[in-house]
Amino acid sequence: MLRPFLPAALLLPLALPGFAQTAPPAAPQAPAAPAAFGQTLSGAEWKVTRLTALSRIEGEAPGISFGKDARVSGSSGCNRYMGGYTQDGQSLTFTELAGTMMACPPQRMELEQQMLGALGQVKGFLITPGGALELYGDTGLLLRAER
């Protein structure tokens, strides 16, 4: 009695379904925003060089320090502040900000109000090719800082 014979080449795709022809895997997606050019938020303090709500910063600039423990602190222009932050890719938000409550000259109090107001609106960030930190909200650029 003769058995039907199928060439092995025809049976191979049935025996090894992982080797059957499939479309090649999709190429990885490019990030929505440029990478942080090798820098991270944490580390040395960022000094604020521009607050979009003010034409210029006089005197000592406010600062921002990001801890690796998701804590943030710095000078708001008059007082010190601290709180938490959440980062997911280029997305960034500040949480539970609190600060000291010293009285300062009116110009410094205005700077502090603008600084804390800007931090409360932050939705994302970018570290520029030149190494500056830019914080963005719904209305665009809120502040720029450098190390």
Foldseek 3Di string as FASTA:
>chain_A
DDDDDDDVVVCVCVVDVVPPDDDDDDDDDDDPDDAQQPDDQADDKWFWADFPVDPGDPDGTWIWHQDPVQKIWIGLQPWIKIFGWDDDGFFIATPDIDIDDDDDPPSSVVSSVLSVVLRHFFTGWHQDPVGKIFTAGPVGTGTITHD
